[in-house]
Amino acid sequence: MDSYEYTQIAETLTAQDMKGTGAAGQPIEYKPMFHEWATVQPGMICLARKKRTAVWRQYTAAETAVPVIACAAGLALAKERNFYFAGVARSKSVRDPDDGVGPKTDEFFTVSIGGMVTILNTSGTPIHPGDLVEWCLATDKGTSSSKRMKSGPRRVGIKIASPSSPKIIGRVLSFAKNGEPMDVLLKQ
């Protein structure tokens, strides 16, 4: 996880910021704790920032490691254009609650960038084999446009894509209702 991204996310988001609709005044999402934000489980969609200018030459792992995020909490819908699909997490990285001193270590995890992966259908609708899917920052379905479900930090989600979308991650291989796992063949 890219801890520098955590320092740049907003403290609060309104419905207007998060989904592009709703009232602009009332905050509906707050910045999560770092250990919640940085935890990654297998099947989570990972994004990397476009045009990253940081130099990582002094680190041995920099040859194969890319700073990514899997949490969309604190990111407004307008920020989607600043990220690209980096892959789907294959291994987990579970962070401990912070002791006030800061993160103890960088914890690496592996990411699938091609082939078949199993991910969760977070689109809110059933997805059928052959459908194209794309990543998105705002997929939560609340009771109204000014509320969202409070089941932990908001994660990068998926939705059905049009063939011309620049955010396509792959083609679905199995049927899945909302909240069920499904197989996806990643686009290369």
Foldseek 3Di string as FASTA:
>chain_A
DDVVVLVVFDQFAFLCFAPVDDDRPDTAAGRDAPQLFQKAAFQAWKKAFPPDDDDDVVDPCVVPDGDIGFFLGRHGQVCPVGIATDATWHHIDGADGDPPPDGPDDDDTDGDQFFKGKHAALQQFKDAFFFWKFKGSDRFDDPDSGYGDPPTTGGTHMHTDDPPDPGTQFTWHHIDGHGHMTMGGGDD
